[in-house]
Amino acid sequence: MKNLFTIILIIFFFYKPSAALGEGTLSGGWKPVPDFAVDELNKEAHASIKFVKVIKGECQVVAGMNYNVTITVADGGAGKNYVALVWNKPWEKYMQLVSFKGPV
């Protein structure tokens, strides 16, 4: 049951904040799962990497929720693994990319 809860939280994490907070989506509708961490890194670093897959993830309850996720991304070549740390406070509609390290 704990693994199922973790998987559900990871899926929530990968929705864009506007989608995760219900803005512009229909209740009950299935949507592709974009990657917030990669989107934010692309904005901040003026990069164009692409999300490939989740390798592993874990969460931590703080003043909100921390998500520590290892993902594979592609930058025109072979995929490389990176670790993203995201802090989320959904009741404030707040999500911040804290760090994006790698390749690991």
Protein backbone atom coordinates (compact mmCIF):
# COMPACT_ATOMS: atom_id res chain seq x y z
CA MET A 1 0.00 0.00 0.00
CA LYS A 2 2.89 2.39 0.79
CA ASN A 3 4.32 1.80 -2.70
CA LEU A 4 0.96 2.57 -4.31
CA PHE A 5 0.72 5.82 -2.32
CA THR A 6 4.25 6.78 -3.41
CA ILE A 7 3.42 6.07 -7.06
CA ILE A 8 0.28 8.20 -6.84
CA LEU A 9 2.27 11.07 -5.33
CA ILE A 10 4.95 10.80 -8.02
CA ILE A 11 2.29 10.95 -10.73
CA PHE A 12 0.80 14.05 -9.05
CA PHE A 13 4.31 15.57 -8.95
CA PHE A 14 4.79 15.23 -12.70
CA TYR A 15 1.65 17.17 -13.59
CA LYS A 16 2.28 20.81 -14.36
CA PRO A 17 1.20 22.93 -11.39
CA SER A 18 -1.79 24.36 -13.26
CA ALA A 19 -3.00 20.88 -14.18
CA ALA A 20 -2.33 19.48 -10.71
CA LEU A 21 -4.41 22.26 -9.20
CA GLY A 22 -7.31 21.63 -11.55
CA GLU A 23 -6.93 24.67 -13.75
CA GLY A 24 -7.95 23.98 -17.33
CA THR A 25 -8.66 20.27 -16.80
CA LEU A 26 -11.86 18.26 -16.70
CA SER A 27 -12.51 16.19 -13.59
CA GLY A 28 -11.91 12.51 -14.17
CA GLY A 29 -10.10 13.05 -17.49
CA TRP A 30 -6.81 11.29 -18.17
CA LYS A 31 -3.95 13.48 -19.34
CA PRO A 32 -0.33 12.80 -20.35
CA VAL A 33 2.11 13.32 -17.51
CA PRO A 34 4.58 16.12 -18.33
CA ASP A 35 7.61 16.74 -16.13
CA PHE A 36 7.64 19.88 -13.99
CA ALA A 37 11.34 19.56 -13.07
CA VAL A 38 12.50 19.35 -16.70
CA ASP A 39 10.15 22.19 -17.73
CA GLU A 40 11.53 24.43 -14.98
CA LEU A 41 15.15 23.55 -15.77
CA ASN A 42 14.57 24.34 -19.45
CA LYS A 43 13.16 27.75 -18.48
CA GLU A 44 15.92 28.62 -15.99
CA ALA A 45 18.87 27.35 -18.05
CA HIS A 46 17.44 28.12 -21.51
CA ALA A 47 17.93 24.43 -22.32
CA SER A 48 15.84 21.97 -24.32
CA ILE A 49 16.14 18.60 -22.59
CA LYS A 50 13.28 16.09 -22.84
CA PHE A 51 11.80 13.92 -20.09
CA VAL A 52 12.15 10.18 -20.83
CA LYS A 53 11.13 8.19 -17.72
CA VAL A 54 11.08 7.97 -13.92
CA ILE A 55 13.76 5.70 -12.45
CA LYS A 56 12.74 6.04 -8.78
CA GLY A 57 11.14 8.54 -6.47
CA GLU A 58 10.43 9.24 -2.84
CA CYS A 59 8.58 11.90 -0.91
CA GLN A 60 8.99 13.63 2.44
CA VAL A 61 6.36 15.49 4.42
CA VAL A 62 7.65 18.94 5.40
CA ALA A 63 5.83 22.27 5.28
CA GLY A 64 4.24 20.79 2.20
CA MET A 65 5.87 17.89 0.39
CA ASN A 66 9.39 17.33 -0.92
CA TYR A 67 9.77 15.03 -3.92
CA ASN A 68 13.17 13.50 -4.63
CA VAL A 69 12.97 11.83 -8.04
CA THR A 70 15.58 10.22 -10.27
CA ILE A 71 14.62 10.65 -13.91
CA THR A 72 16.10 9.93 -17.31
CA VAL A 73 16.29 12.86 -19.72
CA ALA A 74 17.54 13.18 -23.29
CA ASP A 75 19.45 16.09 -24.72
CA GLY A 76 19.69 15.15 -28.37
CA GLY A 77 21.72 12.02 -27.56
CA ALA A 78 21.59 9.07 -25.19
CA GLY A 79 19.49 9.42 -22.06
CA LYS A 80 21.20 10.41 -18.81
CA ASN A 81 19.91 10.15 -15.25
CA TYR A 82 19.41 13.20 -13.04
CA VAL A 83 18.05 13.76 -9.54
CA ALA A 84 15.40 16.46 -9.12
CA LEU A 85 14.22 17.83 -5.78
CA VAL A 86 10.89 19.68 -5.85
CA TRP A 87 9.07 21.38 -2.97
CA ASN A 88 5.28 21.51 -3.30
CA LYS A 89 2.62 23.31 -1.24
CA PRO A 90 -0.57 22.63 -3.23
CA TRP A 91 -2.85 24.59 -0.88
CA GLU A 92 -0.82 27.70 -1.79
CA LYS A 93 -0.53 26.72 -5.47
CA TYR A 94 3.24 26.72 -4.95
CA MET A 95 5.83 24.42 -6.52
CA GLN A 96 9.57 25.09 -6.67
CA LEU A 97 12.42 23.24 -8.33
CA VAL A 98 14.97 23.19 -5.49
CA SER A 99 17.75 21.33 -7.28
CA PHE A 100 18.46 19.38 -10.45
CA LYS A 101 21.72 17.41 -10.22
CA GLY A 102 23.51 15.10 -12.56
CA PRO A 103 24.21 13.21 -14.52
CA VAL A 104 24.30 10.58 -11.78
